[in-house]
Amino acid sequence: MLSFQEALDRLLAAAVPVSETRLQPLTAAAGRVLAVPQFSAVAAPPLDNSGMDGYAVRCADVAAGICLPVSQRIPAGTVGAPLQPGTAARIFTGAPVPPGADAVVMQELCVAGEAGVTFNQMPAPGQNIRRAGEDIAVGAEILPAGRKLRPQDIALAASAGLPELPVHRRVRVGVFFTGDELVQPGEPLPPGAIYNSNRYALRALLEGLGCEVRDLGQVPDRLDATREALRRAAADNDLIVTSGGVSVGEEDHVKPAVEAEGRLDLWKIAIKPGKPLAFGEVRKPEGGKAWFIGLPGNPVSAIVTFLVMVRPFILRLAGVADAAPRGFALAAAFDWPKPDARAEFLRGRMNQSGGVELYPNQGSAVVTSLCWGDGLVFNPPGQAVARGDTVRFVPFSELLS
């Protein structure tokens, strides 16, 4: 079996970002991956402007008890005249500071009257002035390629006057599910059957990563049916994801089907949960290939292996430069005296003291452990944990987008 890191490195080395790009308006660019770095053709702010509602002055003109006449009024969006010596300009937040002024005194520190304005504070040069270009300089790179665009990135692009952004097209993923024992939610549950939770979990996970999902539904436990589903899924997708059928039982047909329609590059991985994870490729009818990842059938195994293995692979396909989730070193509020020889991903959550506690049942079919928890403890192979030891905790917020 490959180690977790060896398997992940192989997946990431194989993932080449989709080459097609789209120009997306800012209103639809959030969540997409930037394909080309962006530079600003303008400065922001374009001119020195006021950070406060108040009065623009020459510091040399302001002294205790002196009343300065107000020579002009400058609202935001207008440019004032040069400031006459010995006067003040009424100015509002965001308005350009008039030439000659070197400070803005906030209105709460001023007393305005018919004769003009007096000041309760002596200003310092530069006070309450936002300098031209202090946020964005002309020609500066504002957004690097490979960034998954967040609302604040959209705001920065808008500040630079960019109406649209070049993004990678969405990754196309075909999914299907094997297992004659599976029944769809809402249908009667015969003896020996279970509801197909993986279909809904994996679709939600894929859509949360911005994928274009094509659901081929449930496939009978037969080799011919599995091969046909692989051919259909490969035709117009970048990646095929399945759950179930990747073990070595007589009814597990996914592995031999992939080997017949393409090839497998790896199969068993030294992780818990999720050892039977398959990775390879399936030939497209018209030439080329679609990547293939086969997840285990147990629901916790399927979800956890998706989060730690499939997510970074898909993000790399989507063009994301850095797909590694952030982890945090926290104190264990549990004992784990009998670790597995494989890397373990334990369902846990932070407690009120900032430590991490574990769900009592870490079984690979216990979906409640994922709902109870708010992240995973990444535990190295053979690593026993005693209460108070430092562990690596990765929140679900780092793994779900």
Protein backbone atom coordinates (compact mmCIF):
# COMPACT_ATOMS: atom_id res chain seq x y z
CA MET A 1 0.00 0.00 0.00
CA LEU A 2 1.12 3.54 -0.73
CA SER A 3 1.33 5.97 2.16
CA PHE A 4 -1.14 8.83 2.28
CA GLN A 5 1.46 11.40 1.22
CA GLU A 6 2.82 9.22 -1.59
CA ALA A 7 -0.68 8.67 -2.98
CA LEU A 8 -1.58 12.36 -2.69
CA ASP A 9 1.65 13.38 -4.39
CA ARG A 10 0.85 11.04 -7.30
CA LEU A 11 -2.62 12.48 -7.72
CA LEU A 12 -1.40 16.07 -7.64
CA ALA A 13 1.45 15.34 -10.05
CA ALA A 14 -1.07 13.93 -12.55
CA ALA A 15 -3.55 16.82 -12.28
CA VAL A 16 -3.11 19.40 -15.05
CA PRO A 17 -5.49 22.38 -14.93
CA VAL A 18 -8.18 22.47 -17.61
CA SER A 19 -6.91 24.66 -20.42
CA GLU A 20 -10.16 26.31 -21.49
CA THR A 21 -10.88 29.73 -20.01
CA ARG A 22 -13.89 32.02 -19.90
CA LEU A 23 -14.26 35.78 -19.44
CA GLN A 24 -16.62 36.09 -16.52
CA PRO A 25 -18.29 39.34 -15.41
CA LEU A 26 -17.55 40.32 -11.84
CA THR A 27 -21.14 39.55 -10.86
CA ALA A 28 -20.56 35.87 -11.73
CA ALA A 29 -16.85 35.43 -10.96
CA ALA A 30 -16.95 34.59 -7.24
CA GLY A 31 -15.89 31.00 -6.61
CA ARG A 32 -14.20 30.66 -10.00
CA VAL A 33 -10.44 30.18 -10.42
CA LEU A 34 -8.46 33.01 -11.97
CA ALA A 35 -6.56 31.84 -15.07
CA VAL A 36 -4.33 34.90 -15.71
CA PRO A 37 -2.78 37.33 -13.19
CA GLN A 38 -4.44 40.73 -13.08
CA PHE A 39 -2.73 44.13 -12.98
CA SER A 40 -4.20 47.52 -12.22
CA ALA A 41 -4.14 50.30 -14.80
CA VAL A 42 -5.26 52.84 -12.19
CA ALA A 43 -4.25 53.93 -8.70
CA ALA A 44 -6.62 53.50 -5.80
CA PRO A 45 -7.42 55.95 -4.51
CA PRO A 46 -6.70 57.99 -7.67
CA LEU A 47 -6.11 61.19 -5.68
CA ASP A 48 -5.29 62.07 -2.08
CA ASN A 49 -8.66 62.04 -0.33
CA SER A 50 -10.20 62.67 3.03
CA GLY A 51 -10.65 59.83 5.49
CA MET A 52 -13.15 61.85 7.54
CA ASP A 53 -15.95 64.37 7.36
CA GLY A 54 -14.30 67.57 8.57
CA TYR A 55 -12.14 70.47 7.41
CA ALA A 56 -9.11 70.47 5.14
CA VAL A 57 -6.44 72.92 6.35
CA ARG A 58 -2.84 74.00 6.15
CA CYS A 59 -1.35 72.96 9.48
CA ALA A 60 0.65 76.19 9.57
CA ASP A 61 -2.62 78.19 9.55
CA VAL A 62 -4.14 76.45 12.59
CA ALA A 63 -3.47 77.84 16.04
CA ALA A 64 -5.40 77.86 19.29
CA GLY A 65 -8.24 80.37 19.24
CA ILE A 66 -7.88 81.27 15.57
CA CYS A 67 -11.05 81.14 13.48
CA LEU A 68 -10.49 80.26 9.83
CA PRO A 69 -13.07 81.28 7.24
CA VAL A 70 -14.48 78.42 5.16
CA SER A 71 -13.55 79.11 1.54
CA GLN A 72 -15.21 76.13 -0.19
CA ARG A 73 -17.24 72.99 0.27
CA ILE A 74 -15.97 69.70 -1.28
CA PRO A 75 -18.35 66.72 -1.27
CA ALA A 76 -17.23 63.27 -2.46
CA GLY A 77 -17.12 63.02 -6.24
CA THR A 78 -16.02 66.62 -6.84
CA VAL A 79 -12.59 68.23 -7.06
CA GLY A 80 -12.07 71.45 -5.13
CA ALA A 81 -9.99 74.51 -5.97
CA PRO A 82 -6.54 75.04 -4.43
CA LEU A 83 -6.91 75.97 -0.77
CA GLN A 84 -6.49 79.69 -0.18
CA PRO A 85 -3.95 80.50 2.58
CA GLY A 86 -5.56 81.26 5.91
CA THR A 87 -8.80 79.41 5.10
CA ALA A 88 -10.33 75.96 5.64
CA ALA A 89 -12.33 73.81 3.24
CA ARG A 90 -15.40 71.91 4.38
CA ILE A 91 -14.71 68.38 3.14
CA PHE A 92 -16.44 65.01 3.27
CA THR A 93 -15.18 61.45 3.44
CA GLY A 94 -13.72 60.30 0.13
CA ALA A 95 -13.51 63.77 -1.40
CA PRO A 96 -10.17 64.78 -2.98
CA VAL A 97 -8.04 66.92 -0.69
CA PRO A 98 -7.53 70.34 -2.34
CA PRO A 99 -4.02 71.32 -3.39
CA GLY A 100 -2.31 73.23 -0.60
CA ALA A 101 -4.06 71.40 2.26
CA ASP A 102 -1.90 69.04 4.29
CA ALA A 103 -4.34 67.73 6.93
CA VAL A 104 -8.01 67.08 7.62
CA VAL A 105 -9.46 67.78 11.06
CA MET A 106 -12.48 65.62 11.86
CA GLN A 107 -15.66 67.63 12.39
CA GLU A 108 -16.10 66.40 15.98
CA LEU A 109 -12.94 68.36 16.90
CA CYS A 110 -14.16 71.56 15.25
CA VAL A 111 -16.61 74.31 16.16
CA ALA A 112 -18.31 75.91 13.16
CA GLY A 113 -19.89 79.36 13.35
CA GLU A 114 -20.93 82.20 11.09
CA ALA A 115 -17.40 83.59 10.95
CA GLY A 116 -15.78 80.27 10.15
CA VAL A 117 -14.38 77.31 12.07
CA THR A 118 -12.16 76.95 15.14
CA PHE A 119 -10.30 73.82 16.15
CA ASN A 120 -10.02 71.91 19.42
CA GLN A 121 -7.00 69.96 18.17
CA MET A 122 -3.85 71.06 16.42
CA PRO A 123 -3.46 68.80 13.35
CA ALA A 124 -0.31 67.04 12.23
CA PRO A 125 0.73 66.95 8.55
CA GLY A 126 -0.95 64.06 6.75
CA GLN A 127 -3.63 63.61 9.40
CA ASN A 128 -6.77 61.86 8.06
CA ILE A 129 -5.52 61.96 4.46
CA ARG A 130 -5.58 58.77 2.39
CA ARG A 131 -2.75 59.02 -0.11
CA ALA A 132 -3.17 58.35 -3.83
CA GLY A 133 -2.20 54.76 -4.64
CA GLU A 134 -1.86 53.66 -1.02
CA ASP A 135 -4.26 50.78 -1.67
CA ILE A 136 -3.37 49.96 -5.30
CA ALA A 137 -0.42 51.34 -7.26
CA VAL A 138 -0.58 51.75 -11.02
CA GLY A 139 0.76 48.59 -12.66
CA ALA A 140 0.64 46.51 -9.47
CA GLU A 141 -0.37 42.85 -9.63
CA ILE A 142 -3.59 42.72 -7.66
CA LEU A 143 -4.69 39.11 -8.17
CA PRO A 144 -2.42 36.12 -8.94
CA ALA A 145 -3.36 33.30 -11.29
CA GLY A 146 -4.62 30.20 -9.53
CA ARG A 147 -6.65 32.03 -6.90
CA LYS A 148 -10.17 30.83 -6.15
CA LEU A 149 -11.93 34.16 -6.19
CA ARG A 150 -13.54 35.33 -2.95
CA PRO A 151 -15.89 38.28 -2.47
CA GLN A 152 -12.98 40.45 -1.32
CA ASP A 153 -11.07 39.56 -4.50
CA ILE A 154 -14.06 40.69 -6.55
CA ALA A 155 -14.06 43.96 -4.60
CA LEU A 156 -10.36 44.46 -5.36
CA ALA A 157 -10.91 43.84 -9.08
CA ALA A 158 -13.76 46.33 -9.07
CA SER A 159 -11.57 48.88 -7.27
CA ALA A 160 -9.11 48.56 -10.14
CA GLY A 161 -11.88 49.13 -12.67
CA LEU A 162 -11.90 45.59 -14.09
CA PRO A 163 -15.39 44.64 -15.36
CA GLU A 164 -14.61 40.94 -16.00
CA LEU A 165 -12.01 38.32 -15.18
CA PRO A 166 -10.52 35.38 -17.13
CA VAL A 167 -11.27 32.15 -15.27
CA HIS A 168 -10.79 28.45 -15.90
CA ARG A 169 -13.93 26.67 -17.03
CA ARG A 170 -15.55 24.46 -14.43
CA VAL A 171 -14.25 20.91 -13.97
CA ARG A 172 -16.75 18.43 -15.43
CA VAL A 173 -17.30 15.39 -13.24
CA GLY A 174 -19.39 12.32 -14.05
CA VAL A 175 -20.57 10.31 -11.05
CA PHE A 176 -22.27 6.95 -10.66
CA PHE A 177 -22.86 4.57 -7.81
CA THR A 178 -22.74 0.79 -7.53
CA GLY A 179 -24.46 -1.58 -5.14
CA ASP A 180 -27.65 -3.59 -5.65
CA GLU A 181 -28.41 -3.06 -1.96
CA LEU A 182 -28.82 0.71 -2.43
CA VAL A 183 -32.25 2.38 -2.35
CA GLN A 184 -32.99 6.04 -3.00
CA PRO A 185 -34.35 8.14 -0.09
CA GLY A 186 -38.14 8.29 -0.22
CA GLU A 187 -38.50 4.74 -1.52
CA PRO A 188 -39.54 1.76 0.65
CA LEU A 189 -36.57 0.06 2.31
CA PRO A 190 -36.64 -3.74 1.69
CA PRO A 191 -34.90 -6.12 4.10
CA GLY A 192 -31.13 -6.04 3.56
CA ALA A 193 -31.20 -2.71 1.71
CA ILE A 194 -29.76 0.66 2.74
CA TYR A 195 -30.39 4.19 1.57
CA ASN A 196 -27.84 5.63 -0.84
CA SER A 197 -26.35 8.51 1.15
CA ASN A 198 -23.15 8.67 -0.90
CA ARG A 199 -24.96 9.89 -4.00
CA TYR A 200 -26.19 13.00 -2.23
CA ALA A 201 -23.04 13.60 -0.20
CA LEU A 202 -20.71 13.38 -3.20
CA ARG A 203 -22.90 15.56 -5.39
CA ALA A 204 -22.98 18.22 -2.68
CA LEU A 205 -19.20 17.99 -2.19
CA LEU A 206 -18.53 18.30 -5.91
CA GLU A 207 -20.91 21.20 -6.37
CA GLY A 208 -19.34 22.91 -3.34
CA LEU A 209 -16.02 22.82 -5.19
CA GLY A 210 -17.61 24.49 -8.21
CA CYS A 211 -17.75 21.39 -10.42
CA GLU A 212 -20.21 20.82 -13.22
CA VAL A 213 -21.73 17.51 -12.09
CA ARG A 214 -23.28 14.90 -14.41
CA ASP A 215 -25.07 12.24 -12.37
CA LEU A 216 -25.37 8.89 -14.17
CA GLY A 217 -27.31 7.38 -11.28
CA GLN A 218 -27.06 3.90 -9.86
CA VAL A 219 -25.40 1.10 -11.86
CA PRO A 220 -26.20 -2.62 -11.37
CA ASP A 221 -23.51 -4.84 -9.85
CA ARG A 222 -22.44 -6.30 -13.19
CA LEU A 223 -19.18 -5.94 -15.06
CA ASP A 224 -20.83 -5.12 -18.39
CA ALA A 225 -23.05 -2.45 -16.82
CA THR A 226 -20.08 -0.91 -15.01
CA ARG A 227 -18.00 -0.79 -18.20
CA GLU A 228 -20.85 0.85 -20.10
CA ALA A 229 -21.26 3.46 -17.34
CA LEU A 230 -17.53 4.22 -17.49
CA ARG A 231 -17.69 4.74 -21.25
CA ARG A 232 -20.66 7.09 -20.94
CA ALA A 233 -19.06 9.03 -18.10
CA ALA A 234 -15.74 9.37 -19.92
CA ALA A 235 -17.30 10.80 -23.08
CA ASP A 236 -17.74 14.40 -21.91
CA ASN A 237 -16.13 14.68 -18.47
CA ASP A 238 -12.71 15.50 -17.09
CA LEU A 239 -13.10 13.16 -14.12
CA ILE A 240 -15.21 10.16 -13.15
CA VAL A 241 -15.99 9.60 -9.46
CA THR A 242 -17.69 6.46 -8.17
CA SER A 243 -18.39 4.98 -4.76
CA GLY A 244 -18.48 1.30 -3.94
CA GLY A 245 -17.25 -1.71 -5.86
CA VAL A 246 -13.52 -0.99 -5.53
CA SER A 247 -12.72 -3.78 -3.08
CA VAL A 248 -11.97 -7.42 -3.97
CA GLY A 249 -15.35 -9.12 -3.47
CA GLU A 250 -17.11 -11.11 -6.19
CA GLU A 251 -19.62 -8.28 -6.61
CA ASP A 252 -16.96 -5.55 -6.80
CA HIS A 253 -16.71 -4.81 -10.52
CA VAL A 254 -15.32 -1.27 -10.65
CA LYS A 255 -11.63 -2.22 -10.50
CA PRO A 256 -11.73 -4.78 -13.35
CA ALA A 257 -14.02 -2.49 -15.37
CA VAL A 258 -11.54 0.40 -15.16
CA GLU A 259 -8.69 -1.92 -16.08
CA ALA A 260 -10.67 -3.03 -19.15
CA GLU A 261 -11.61 0.52 -20.21
CA GLY A 262 -8.34 2.23 -19.27
CA ARG A 263 -5.85 1.68 -16.50
CA LEU A 264 -5.40 1.90 -12.73
CA ASP A 265 -2.36 3.74 -11.39
CA LEU A 266 -2.97 3.01 -7.72
CA TRP A 267 -5.47 1.11 -5.68
CA LYS A 268 -4.85 0.51 -1.98
CA ILE A 269 -3.72 3.38 0.23
CA ALA A 270 -2.54 3.18 3.83
CA ILE A 271 -5.24 5.40 5.30
CA LYS A 272 -8.08 4.83 7.74
CA PRO A 273 -10.87 5.16 6.88
CA GLY A 274 -10.67 4.62 3.11
CA LYS A 275 -8.04 2.02 2.20
CA PRO A 276 -9.69 0.84 -1.07
CA LEU A 277 -9.34 4.06 -3.05
CA ALA A 278 -8.66 3.63 -6.78
CA PHE A 279 -7.08 6.14 -9.16
CA GLY A 280 -6.54 5.81 -12.90
CA GLU A 281 -7.96 6.84 -16.23
CA VAL A 282 -10.66 5.76 -18.69
CA ARG A 283 -10.34 6.10 -22.47
CA LYS A 284 -12.70 8.52 -24.21
CA PRO A 285 -14.49 7.15 -27.29
CA GLU A 286 -13.12 9.93 -29.50
CA GLY A 287 -9.61 9.77 -28.01
CA GLY A 288 -8.05 11.23 -24.91
CA LYS A 289 -8.88 10.25 -21.36
CA ALA A 290 -10.96 11.04 -18.32
CA TRP A 291 -9.42 10.66 -14.89
CA PHE A 292 -11.01 8.09 -12.61
CA ILE A 293 -11.28 8.01 -8.81
CA GLY A 294 -13.16 5.18 -7.12
CA LEU A 295 -14.12 5.81 -3.52
CA PRO A 296 -15.03 3.17 -0.93
CA GLY A 297 -18.68 2.44 -0.30
CA ASN A 298 -18.85 3.07 3.44
CA PRO A 299 -20.21 6.62 3.78
CA VAL A 300 -17.62 7.98 6.23
CA SER A 301 -14.82 6.41 4.19
CA ALA A 302 -16.21 7.95 1.01
CA ILE A 303 -16.58 11.43 2.48
CA VAL A 304 -13.25 11.48 4.32
CA THR A 305 -11.25 10.18 1.37
CA PHE A 306 -12.98 12.73 -0.85
CA LEU A 307 -11.98 15.54 1.51
CA VAL A 308 -8.34 14.55 1.91
CA MET A 309 -7.60 13.05 -1.54
CA VAL A 310 -10.18 14.04 -4.16
CA ARG A 311 -10.65 17.66 -3.11
CA PRO A 312 -7.01 18.70 -3.72
CA PHE A 313 -6.98 16.78 -7.02
CA ILE A 314 -10.11 18.57 -8.27
CA LEU A 315 -8.85 21.96 -7.13
CA ARG A 316 -5.62 21.36 -9.04
CA LEU A 317 -7.66 20.41 -12.13
CA ALA A 318 -9.63 23.62 -11.65
CA GLY A 319 -6.41 25.64 -11.69
CA VAL A 320 -6.06 26.41 -7.97
CA ALA A 321 -2.38 27.01 -7.23
CA ASP A 322 -2.41 25.95 -3.57
CA ALA A 323 -4.97 23.33 -2.61
CA ALA A 324 -3.45 22.33 0.76
CA PRO A 325 -5.83 22.87 3.68
CA ARG A 326 -4.59 24.73 6.72
CA GLY A 327 -4.18 22.70 9.87
CA PHE A 328 -3.86 23.89 13.46
CA ALA A 329 -1.77 22.49 16.30
CA LEU A 330 -4.17 21.93 19.20
CA ALA A 331 -4.14 20.02 22.47
CA ALA A 332 -5.79 16.59 22.48
CA ALA A 333 -8.70 16.28 24.90
CA PHE A 334 -8.65 12.51 24.40
CA ASP A 335 -6.50 9.41 24.65
CA TRP A 336 -5.76 7.30 21.56
CA PRO A 337 -3.62 4.48 22.94
CA LYS A 338 -3.95 1.97 20.08
CA PRO A 339 -3.21 3.73 16.81
CA ASP A 340 -3.44 2.02 13.44
CA ALA A 341 -0.41 1.34 11.26
CA ARG A 342 -2.10 3.52 8.61
CA ALA A 343 -2.57 7.29 8.66
CA GLU A 344 -5.83 8.01 10.49
CA PHE A 345 -8.38 10.75 10.01
CA LEU A 346 -10.31 10.99 13.27
CA ARG A 347 -13.59 12.87 13.52
CA GLY A 348 -13.31 15.52 16.20
CA ARG A 349 -14.36 18.95 17.30
CA MET A 350 -12.96 21.83 19.31
CA ASN A 351 -14.12 22.20 22.88
CA GLN A 352 -14.58 25.39 24.89
CA SER A 353 -10.96 25.26 26.05
CA GLY A 354 -9.56 25.19 22.52
CA GLY A 355 -8.65 21.50 22.66
CA VAL A 356 -9.90 18.71 20.42
CA GLU A 357 -12.23 15.92 21.51
CA LEU A 358 -13.18 12.83 19.53
CA TYR A 359 -16.49 11.28 18.67
CA PRO A 360 -16.65 8.04 20.69
CA ASN A 361 -17.44 5.79 17.70
CA GLN A 362 -14.92 6.21 14.87
CA GLY A 363 -16.47 3.48 12.67
CA SER A 364 -16.42 3.99 8.90
CA ALA A 365 -20.22 3.72 8.65
CA VAL A 366 -21.04 6.19 11.46
CA VAL A 367 -22.15 9.29 9.55
CA THR A 368 -23.22 10.96 12.80
CA SER A 369 -19.51 11.34 13.65
CA LEU A 370 -19.15 13.77 10.70
CA CYS A 371 -22.21 15.79 11.72
CA TRP A 372 -21.12 15.92 15.37
CA GLY A 373 -17.60 16.98 14.49
CA ASP A 374 -16.26 20.17 12.96
CA GLY A 375 -13.04 18.76 11.54
CA LEU A 376 -10.52 15.94 11.28
CA VAL A 377 -7.52 15.03 13.40
CA PHE A 378 -4.73 14.02 10.99
CA ASN A 379 -2.92 11.32 12.97
CA PRO A 380 0.33 9.86 11.53
CA PRO A 381 0.74 6.07 11.22
CA GLY A 382 1.38 4.34 14.55
CA GLN A 383 1.08 7.58 16.54
CA ALA A 384 -0.41 7.04 20.00
CA VAL A 385 -1.99 10.14 21.55
CA ALA A 386 -2.29 10.97 25.24
CA ARG A 387 -4.47 13.70 26.65
CA GLY A 388 -2.60 17.02 26.38
CA ASP A 389 -0.46 15.98 23.41
CA THR A 390 -0.40 18.29 20.40
CA VAL A 391 -2.32 17.03 17.37
CA ARG A 392 -2.96 18.45 13.89
CA PHE A 393 -6.60 19.46 13.50
CA VAL A 394 -8.02 20.49 10.12
CA PRO A 395 -11.46 22.15 10.31
CA PHE A 396 -14.16 21.17 7.81
CA SER A 397 -14.22 24.83 6.78
CA GLU A 398 -10.78 24.19 5.23
CA LEU A 399 -11.93 21.00 3.50
CA LEU A 400 -15.30 21.92 2.01
CA SER A 401 -14.32 24.62 -0.47
